[in-house]
Amino acid sequence: MAGTPFFGLELYRPGDSHLYSPADPELLLLQVQVTEIIRSVLEAGDPGKEDVRARLRAHLARNPGHPELALLAHLQERHSASQP
């Protein structure tokens, strides 16, 4: 059985053994909230931010089923890039 698709992302759904199974049910809620944030970034129409969206999509591809890890990696990358 596949994960629950949500804006092209796979989220854990009870019974999905191939996806990360959260020990804490609140993790699923976190994933949904993070996915909403990701969706707002990806849907933003600012053409000057396509590079940001491309990097976020790359993090999503490297963290299938884990939108929270993808967003964390994206934010860490942006933070380290802004440091002198």
PDB file of N, CA and C in Angstrom:
ATOM      1  N   MET A   1       0.851  -1.172   0.000  1.00  0.00           N
ATOM      2  CA  MET A   1       0.000   0.000   0.000  1.00  0.00           C
ATOM      3  C   MET A   1       0.891   1.227   0.000  1.00  0.00           C
ATOM      4  N   ALA A   2       0.578   2.209  -0.767  1.00  0.00           N
ATOM      5  CA  ALA A   2       1.389   3.420  -0.873  1.00  0.00           C
ATOM      6  C   ALA A   2       1.068   4.365   0.265  1.00  0.00           C
ATOM      7  N   GLY A   3       1.963   5.319   0.446  1.00  0.00           N
ATOM      8  CA  GLY A   3       1.739   6.352   1.444  1.00  0.00           C
ATOM      9  C   GLY A   3       0.620   7.275   0.998  1.00  0.00           C
ATOM     10  N   THR A   4       0.216   8.114   1.882  1.00  0.00           N
ATOM     11  CA  THR A   4      -0.831   9.058   1.572  1.00  0.00           C
ATOM     12  C   THR A   4      -0.249  10.195   0.750  1.00  0.00           C
ATOM     13  N   PRO A   5      -0.682  10.371  -0.503  1.00  0.00           N
ATOM     14  CA  PRO A   5      -0.135  11.471  -1.291  1.00  0.00           C
ATOM     15  C   PRO A   5      -0.686  12.798  -0.796  1.00  0.00           C
ATOM     16  N   PHE A   6       0.167  13.760  -0.688  1.00  0.00           N
ATOM     17  CA  PHE A   6      -0.235  15.081  -0.239  1.00  0.00           C
ATOM     18  C   PHE A   6       0.634  16.075  -0.966  1.00  0.00           C
ATOM     19  N   PHE A   7       0.096  16.727  -1.983  1.00  0.00           N
ATOM     20  CA  PHE A   7       0.831  17.654  -2.822  1.00  0.00           C
ATOM     21  C   PHE A   7       2.086  16.990  -3.385  1.00  0.00           C
ATOM     22  N   GLY A   8       1.932  15.784  -3.858  1.00  0.00           N
ATOM     23  CA  GLY A   8       3.048  15.080  -4.467  1.00  0.00           C
ATOM     24  C   GLY A   8       4.043  14.518  -3.478  1.00  0.00           C
ATOM     25  N   LEU A   9       3.736  14.570  -2.187  1.00  0.00           N
ATOM     26  CA  LEU A   9       4.639  14.045  -1.168  1.00  0.00           C
ATOM     27  C   LEU A   9       4.017  12.802  -0.561  1.00  0.00           C
ATOM     28  N   GLU A  10       4.853  11.893  -0.168  1.00  0.00           N
ATOM     29  CA  GLU A  10       4.364  10.693   0.498  1.00  0.00           C
ATOM     30  C   GLU A  10       4.426  10.910   2.004  1.00  0.00           C
ATOM     31  N   LEU A  11       3.313  10.743   2.659  1.00  0.00           N
ATOM     32  CA  LEU A  11       3.263  10.820   4.106  1.00  0.00           C
ATOM     33  C   LEU A  11       2.952   9.444   4.660  1.00  0.00           C
ATOM     34  N   TYR A  12       3.368   9.202   5.879  1.00  0.00           N
ATOM     35  CA  TYR A  12       3.074   7.943   6.537  1.00  0.00           C
ATOM     36  C   TYR A  12       1.570   7.796   6.727  1.00  0.00           C
ATOM     37  N   ARG A  13       1.108   6.586   6.528  1.00  0.00           N
ATOM     38  CA  ARG A  13      -0.277   6.245   6.836  1.00  0.00           C
ATOM     39  C   ARG A  13      -0.230   4.921   7.581  1.00  0.00           C
ATOM     40  N   PRO A  14      -0.974   4.774   8.672  1.00  0.00           N
ATOM     41  CA  PRO A  14      -0.943   3.508   9.401  1.00  0.00           C
ATOM     42  C   PRO A  14      -1.117   2.324   8.458  1.00  0.00           C
ATOM     43  N   GLY A  15      -0.279   1.329   8.621  1.00  0.00           N
ATOM     44  CA  GLY A  15      -0.308   0.153   7.771  1.00  0.00           C
ATOM     45  C   GLY A  15       0.709   0.200   6.653  1.00  0.00           C
ATOM     46  N   ASP A  16       1.361   1.332   6.443  1.00  0.00           N
ATOM     47  CA  ASP A  16       2.383   1.457   5.406  1.00  0.00           C
ATOM     48  C   ASP A  16       3.729   1.055   5.995  1.00  0.00           C
ATOM     49  N   SER A  17       4.122  -0.167   5.775  1.00  0.00           N
ATOM     50  CA  SER A  17       5.356  -0.653   6.391  1.00  0.00           C
ATOM     51  C   SER A  17       6.601  -0.118   5.711  1.00  0.00           C
ATOM     52  N   HIS A  18       6.514   0.307   4.444  1.00  0.00           N
ATOM     53  CA  HIS A  18       7.712   0.757   3.742  1.00  0.00           C
ATOM     54  C   HIS A  18       8.063   2.214   4.034  1.00  0.00           C
ATOM     55  N   LEU A  19       7.161   2.942   4.656  1.00  0.00           N
ATOM     56  CA  LEU A  19       7.444   4.321   5.018  1.00  0.00           C
ATOM     57  C   LEU A  19       7.729   4.406   6.509  1.00  0.00           C
ATOM     58  N   TYR A  20       8.377   5.465   6.902  1.00  0.00           N
ATOM     59  CA  TYR A  20       8.698   5.692   8.307  1.00  0.00           C
ATOM     60  C   TYR A  20       7.427   5.648   9.133  1.00  0.00           C
ATOM     61  N   SER A  21       7.449   4.862  10.157  1.00  0.00           N
ATOM     62  CA  SER A  21       6.288   4.723  11.022  1.00  0.00           C
ATOM     63  C   SER A  21       6.513   5.547  12.284  1.00  0.00           C
ATOM     64  N   PRO A  22       5.800   6.643  12.446  1.00  0.00           N
ATOM     65  CA  PRO A  22       6.050   7.465  13.622  1.00  0.00           C
ATOM     66  C   PRO A  22       5.643   6.760  14.902  1.00  0.00           C
ATOM     67  N   ALA A  23       6.546   6.763  15.872  1.00  0.00           N
ATOM     68  CA  ALA A  23       6.225   6.189  17.168  1.00  0.00           C
ATOM     69  C   ALA A  23       5.224   7.096  17.883  1.00  0.00           C
ATOM     70  N   ASP A  24       5.271   8.366  17.568  1.00  0.00           N
ATOM     71  CA  ASP A  24       4.390   9.353  18.172  1.00  0.00           C
ATOM     72  C   ASP A  24       3.396   9.824  17.111  1.00  0.00           C
ATOM     73  N   PRO A  25       2.111   9.646  17.343  1.00  0.00           N
ATOM     74  CA  PRO A  25       1.123  10.064  16.348  1.00  0.00           C
ATOM     75  C   PRO A  25       1.212  11.551  16.012  1.00  0.00           C
ATOM     76  N   GLU A  26       1.808  12.338  16.896  1.00  0.00           N
ATOM     77  CA  GLU A  26       1.960  13.763  16.614  1.00  0.00           C
ATOM     78  C   GLU A  26       2.925  14.006  15.458  1.00  0.00           C
ATOM     79  N   LEU A  27       3.782  13.015  15.155  1.00  0.00           N
ATOM     80  CA  LEU A  27       4.693  13.180  14.027  1.00  0.00           C
ATOM     81  C   LEU A  27       3.907  13.300  12.727  1.00  0.00           C
ATOM     82  N   LEU A  28       2.845  12.555  12.594  1.00  0.00           N
ATOM     83  CA  LEU A  28       2.021  12.665  11.387  1.00  0.00           C
ATOM     84  C   LEU A  28       1.446  14.073  11.270  1.00  0.00           C
ATOM     85  N   LEU A  29       0.983  14.625  12.375  1.00  0.00           N
ATOM     86  CA  LEU A  29       0.473  15.993  12.367  1.00  0.00           C
ATOM     87  C   LEU A  29       1.582  16.965  11.969  1.00  0.00           C
ATOM     88  N   LEU A  30       2.783  16.751  12.491  1.00  0.00           N
ATOM     89  CA  LEU A  30       3.923  17.589  12.118  1.00  0.00           C
ATOM     90  C   LEU A  30       4.184  17.499  10.621  1.00  0.00           C
ATOM     91  N   GLN A  31       4.143  16.276  10.079  1.00  0.00           N
ATOM     92  CA  GLN A  31       4.378  16.096   8.648  1.00  0.00           C
ATOM     93  C   GLN A  31       3.341  16.850   7.820  1.00  0.00           C
ATOM     94  N   VAL A  32       2.112  16.816   8.237  1.00  0.00           N
ATOM     95  CA  VAL A  32       1.059  17.523   7.504  1.00  0.00           C
ATOM     96  C   VAL A  32       1.300  19.030   7.576  1.00  0.00           C
ATOM     97  N   GLN A  33       1.657  19.533   8.752  1.00  0.00           N
ATOM     98  CA  GLN A  33       1.922  20.965   8.896  1.00  0.00           C
ATOM     99  C   GLN A  33       3.126  21.390   8.061  1.00  0.00           C
ATOM    100  N   VAL A  34       4.182  20.587   8.097  1.00  0.00           N
ATOM    101  CA  VAL A  34       5.381  20.882   7.314  1.00  0.00           C
ATOM    102  C   VAL A  34       5.049  20.860   5.824  1.00  0.00           C
ATOM    103  N   THR A  35       4.228  19.913   5.423  1.00  0.00           N
ATOM    104  CA  THR A  35       3.851  19.819   4.020  1.00  0.00           C
ATOM    105  C   THR A  35       3.083  21.058   3.580  1.00  0.00           C
ATOM    106  N   GLU A  36       2.269  21.616   4.450  1.00  0.00           N
ATOM    107  CA  GLU A  36       1.574  22.870   4.128  1.00  0.00           C
ATOM    108  C   GLU A  36       2.579  23.996   3.908  1.00  0.00           C
ATOM    109  N   ILE A  37       3.610  24.057   4.736  1.00  0.00           N
ATOM    110  CA  ILE A  37       4.655  25.071   4.571  1.00  0.00           C
ATOM    111  C   ILE A  37       5.367  24.863   3.244  1.00  0.00           C
ATOM    112  N   ILE A  38       5.729  23.619   2.966  1.00  0.00           N
ATOM    113  CA  ILE A  38       6.421  23.298   1.716  1.00  0.00           C
ATOM    114  C   ILE A  38       5.547  23.672   0.523  1.00  0.00           C
ATOM    115  N   ARG A  39       4.285  23.346   0.603  1.00  0.00           N
ATOM    116  CA  ARG A  39       3.377  23.669  -0.495  1.00  0.00           C
ATOM    117  C   ARG A  39       3.350  25.170  -0.738  1.00  0.00           C
ATOM    118  N   SER A  40       3.298  25.961   0.321  1.00  0.00           N
ATOM    119  CA  SER A  40       3.242  27.413   0.136  1.00  0.00           C
ATOM    120  C   SER A  40       4.514  27.939  -0.526  1.00  0.00           C
ATOM    121  N   VAL A  41       5.656  27.341  -0.208  1.00  0.00           N
ATOM    122  CA  VAL A  41       6.912  27.750  -0.848  1.00  0.00           C
ATOM    123  C   VAL A  41       6.902  27.348  -2.319  1.00  0.00           C
ATOM    124  N   LEU A  42       6.500  26.110  -2.595  1.00  0.00           N
ATOM    125  CA  LEU A  42       6.527  25.622  -3.972  1.00  0.00           C
ATOM    126  C   LEU A  42       5.498  26.313  -4.861  1.00  0.00           C
ATOM    127  N   GLU A  43       4.396  26.760  -4.283  1.00  0.00           N
ATOM    128  CA  GLU A  43       3.356  27.424  -5.064  1.00  0.00           C
ATOM    129  C   GLU A  43       3.587  28.924  -5.211  1.00  0.00           C
ATOM    130  N   ALA A  44       4.552  29.461  -4.496  1.00  0.00           N
ATOM    131  CA  ALA A  44       4.817  30.905  -4.567  1.00  0.00           C
ATOM    132  C   ALA A  44       5.150  31.284  -6.005  1.00  0.00           C
ATOM    133  N   GLY A  45       4.612  32.383  -6.453  1.00  0.00           N
ATOM    134  CA  GLY A  45       4.776  32.771  -7.851  1.00  0.00           C
ATOM    135  C   GLY A  45       5.973  33.656  -8.138  1.00  0.00           C
ATOM    136  N   ASP A  46       6.788  33.942  -7.139  1.00  0.00           N
ATOM    137  CA  ASP A  46       7.930  34.837  -7.346  1.00  0.00           C
ATOM    138  C   ASP A  46       8.962  34.180  -8.254  1.00  0.00           C
ATOM    139  N   PRO A  47       9.113  34.670  -9.492  1.00  0.00           N
ATOM    140  CA  PRO A  47      10.066  34.044 -10.414  1.00  0.00           C
ATOM    141  C   PRO A  47      11.508  34.153  -9.936  1.00  0.00           C
ATOM    142  N   GLY A  48      11.815  35.123  -9.086  1.00  0.00           N
ATOM    143  CA  GLY A  48      13.165  35.274  -8.572  1.00  0.00           C
ATOM    144  C   GLY A  48      13.536  34.240  -7.526  1.00  0.00           C
ATOM    145  N   LYS A  49      12.583  33.432  -7.114  1.00  0.00           N
ATOM    146  CA  LYS A  49      12.828  32.421  -6.079  1.00  0.00           C
ATOM    147  C   LYS A  49      12.817  30.995  -6.627  1.00  0.00           C
ATOM    148  N   GLU A  50      12.890  30.828  -7.941  1.00  0.00           N
ATOM    149  CA  GLU A  50      12.873  29.482  -8.518  1.00  0.00           C
ATOM    150  C   GLU A  50      14.041  28.649  -8.010  1.00  0.00           C
ATOM    151  N   ASP A  51      15.194  29.273  -7.768  1.00  0.00           N
ATOM    152  CA  ASP A  51      16.341  28.533  -7.240  1.00  0.00           C
ATOM    153  C   ASP A  51      16.044  27.971  -5.854  1.00  0.00           C
ATOM    154  N   VAL A  52      15.316  28.723  -5.046  1.00  0.00           N
ATOM    155  CA  VAL A  52      14.925  28.257  -3.710  1.00  0.00           C
ATOM    156  C   VAL A  52      13.995  27.060  -3.842  1.00  0.00           C
ATOM    157  N   ARG A  53      13.015  27.176  -4.742  1.00  0.00           N
ATOM    158  CA  ARG A  53      12.075  26.066  -4.932  1.00  0.00           C
ATOM    159  C   ARG A  53      12.788  24.831  -5.471  1.00  0.00           C
ATOM    160  N   ALA A  54      13.746  25.017  -6.359  1.00  0.00           N
ATOM    161  CA  ALA A  54      14.494  23.880  -6.916  1.00  0.00           C
ATOM    162  C   ALA A  54      15.299  23.177  -5.822  1.00  0.00           C
ATOM    163  N   ARG A  55      15.923  23.946  -4.946  1.00  0.00           N
ATOM    164  CA  ARG A  55      16.691  23.322  -3.856  1.00  0.00           C
ATOM    165  C   ARG A  55      15.765  22.592  -2.886  1.00  0.00           C
ATOM    166  N   LEU A  56      14.606  23.176  -2.612  1.00  0.00           N
ATOM    167  CA  LEU A  56      13.650  22.508  -1.730  1.00  0.00           C
ATOM    168  C   LEU A  56      13.172  21.202  -2.362  1.00  0.00           C
ATOM    169  N   ARG A  57      12.878  21.222  -3.668  1.00  0.00           N
ATOM    170  CA  ARG A  57      12.470  19.980  -4.350  1.00  0.00           C
ATOM    171  C   ARG A  57      13.582  18.930  -4.283  1.00  0.00           C
ATOM    172  N   ALA A  58      14.839  19.362  -4.379  1.00  0.00           N
ATOM    173  CA  ALA A  58      15.965  18.418  -4.282  1.00  0.00           C
ATOM    174  C   ALA A  58      16.020  17.794  -2.892  1.00  0.00           C
ATOM    175  N   HIS A  59      15.778  18.588  -1.860  1.00  0.00           N
ATOM    176  CA  HIS A  59      15.756  18.039  -0.496  1.00  0.00           C
ATOM    177  C   HIS A  59      14.596  17.057  -0.335  1.00  0.00           C
ATOM    178  N   LEU A  60      13.465  17.361  -0.938  1.00  0.00           N
ATOM    179  CA  LEU A  60      12.325  16.441  -0.883  1.00  0.00           C
ATOM    180  C   LEU A  60      12.662  15.122  -1.572  1.00  0.00           C
ATOM    181  N   ALA A  61      13.361  15.193  -2.692  1.00  0.00           N
ATOM    182  CA  ALA A  61      13.741  13.972  -3.416  1.00  0.00           C
ATOM    183  C   ALA A  61      14.717  13.130  -2.602  1.00  0.00           C
ATOM    184  N   ARG A  62      15.576  13.779  -1.818  1.00  0.00           N
ATOM    185  CA  ARG A  62      16.548  13.045  -0.997  1.00  0.00           C
ATOM    186  C   ARG A  62      15.944  12.518   0.299  1.00  0.00           C
ATOM    187  N   ASN A  63      14.743  12.958   0.630  1.00  0.00           N
ATOM    188  CA  ASN A  63      14.087  12.551   1.877  1.00  0.00           C
ATOM    189  C   ASN A  63      12.664  12.082   1.608  1.00  0.00           C
ATOM    190  N   PRO A  64      12.492  11.072   0.737  1.00  0.00           N
ATOM    191  CA  PRO A  64      11.126  10.637   0.411  1.00  0.00           C
ATOM    192  C   PRO A  64      10.387  10.137   1.651  1.00  0.00           C
ATOM    193  N   GLY A  65       9.162  10.594   1.813  1.00  0.00           N
ATOM    194  CA  GLY A  65       8.359  10.178   2.958  1.00  0.00           C
ATOM    195  C   GLY A  65       8.668  10.940   4.225  1.00  0.00           C
ATOM    196  N   HIS A  66       9.616  11.873   4.152  1.00  0.00           N
ATOM    197  CA  HIS A  66      10.027  12.634   5.335  1.00  0.00           C
ATOM    198  C   HIS A  66      10.062  14.128   5.027  1.00  0.00           C
ATOM    199  N   PRO A  67       8.918  14.742   4.820  1.00  0.00           N
ATOM    200  CA  PRO A  67       8.933  16.170   4.507  1.00  0.00           C
ATOM    201  C   PRO A  67       9.552  17.001   5.617  1.00  0.00           C
ATOM    202  N   GLU A  68       9.441  16.545   6.859  1.00  0.00           N
ATOM    203  CA  GLU A  68      10.017  17.298   7.975  1.00  0.00           C
ATOM    204  C   GLU A  68      11.541  17.330   7.889  1.00  0.00           C
ATOM    205  N   LEU A  69      12.150  16.227   7.443  1.00  0.00           N
ATOM    206  CA  LEU A  69      13.604  16.190   7.280  1.00  0.00           C
ATOM    207  C   LEU A  69      14.036  17.016   6.078  1.00  0.00           C
ATOM    208  N   ALA A  70      13.230  16.996   5.030  1.00  0.00           N
ATOM    209  CA  ALA A  70      13.542  17.795   3.842  1.00  0.00           C
ATOM    210  C   ALA A  70      13.516  19.281   4.176  1.00  0.00           C
ATOM    211  N   LEU A  71      12.500  19.719   4.899  1.00  0.00           N
ATOM    212  CA  LEU A  71      12.415  21.130   5.261  1.00  0.00           C
ATOM    213  C   LEU A  71      13.551  21.509   6.205  1.00  0.00           C
ATOM    214  N   LEU A  72      13.866  20.638   7.150  1.00  0.00           N
ATOM    215  CA  LEU A  72      14.979  20.903   8.062  1.00  0.00           C
ATOM    216  C   LEU A  72      16.283  21.078   7.287  1.00  0.00           C
ATOM    217  N   ALA A  73      16.567  20.175   6.364  1.00  0.00           N
ATOM    218  CA  ALA A  73      17.793  20.266   5.563  1.00  0.00           C
ATOM    219  C   ALA A  73      17.802  21.551   4.740  1.00  0.00           C
ATOM    220  N   HIS A  74      16.656  21.897   4.186  1.00  0.00           N
ATOM    221  CA  HIS A  74      16.544  23.120   3.388  1.00  0.00           C
ATOM    222  C   HIS A  74      16.841  24.353   4.248  1.00  0.00           C
ATOM    223  N   LEU A  75      16.250  24.407   5.434  1.00  0.00           N
ATOM    224  CA  LEU A  75      16.468  25.556   6.312  1.00  0.00           C
ATOM    225  C   LEU A  75      17.914  25.618   6.801  1.00  0.00           C
ATOM    226  N   GLN A  76      18.503  24.456   7.104  1.00  0.00           N
ATOM    227  CA  GLN A  76      19.904  24.433   7.528  1.00  0.00           C
ATOM    228  C   GLN A  76      20.813  24.932   6.413  1.00  0.00           C
ATOM    229  N   GLU A  77      20.532  24.514   5.187  1.00  0.00           N
ATOM    230  CA  GLU A  77      21.323  24.950   4.043  1.00  0.00           C
ATOM    231  C   GLU A  77      21.216  26.463   3.862  1.00  0.00           C
ATOM    232  N   ARG A  78      20.011  26.988   3.959  1.00  0.00           N
ATOM    233  CA  ARG A  78      19.812  28.433   3.806  1.00  0.00           C
ATOM    234  C   ARG A  78      20.496  29.200   4.927  1.00  0.00           C
ATOM    235  N   HIS A  79      20.453  28.667   6.137  1.00  0.00           N
ATOM    236  CA  HIS A  79      21.097  29.330   7.274  1.00  0.00           C
ATOM    237  C   HIS A  79      22.612  29.350   7.097  1.00  0.00           C
ATOM    238  N   SER A  80      23.188  28.214   6.721  1.00  0.00           N
ATOM    239  CA  SER A  80      24.644  28.158   6.560  1.00  0.00           C
ATOM    240  C   SER A  80      25.101  29.019   5.384  1.00  0.00           C
ATOM    241  N   ALA A  81      24.277  29.153   4.361  1.00  0.00           N
ATOM    242  CA  ALA A  81      24.628  29.991   3.212  1.00  0.00           C
ATOM    243  C   ALA A  81      24.602  31.472   3.574  1.00  0.00           C
ATOM    244  N   SER A  82      23.805  31.830   4.574  1.00  0.00           N
ATOM    245  CA  SER A  82      23.703  33.238   4.962  1.00  0.00           C
ATOM    246  C   SER A  82      24.763  33.641   5.979  1.00  0.00           C
ATOM    247  N   GLN A  83      25.502  32.671   6.502  1.00  0.00           N
ATOM    248  CA  GLN A  83      26.554  32.963   7.476  1.00  0.00           C
ATOM    249  C   GLN A  83      27.819  33.416   6.760  1.00  0.00           C
ATOM    250  N   PRO A  84      28.540  34.396   7.341  1.00  0.00           N
ATOM    251  CA  PRO A  84      29.787  34.871   6.692  1.00  0.00           C
ATOM    252  C   PRO A  84      30.886  33.841   6.699  1.00  0.00           C
TER     253      PRO A  84
END
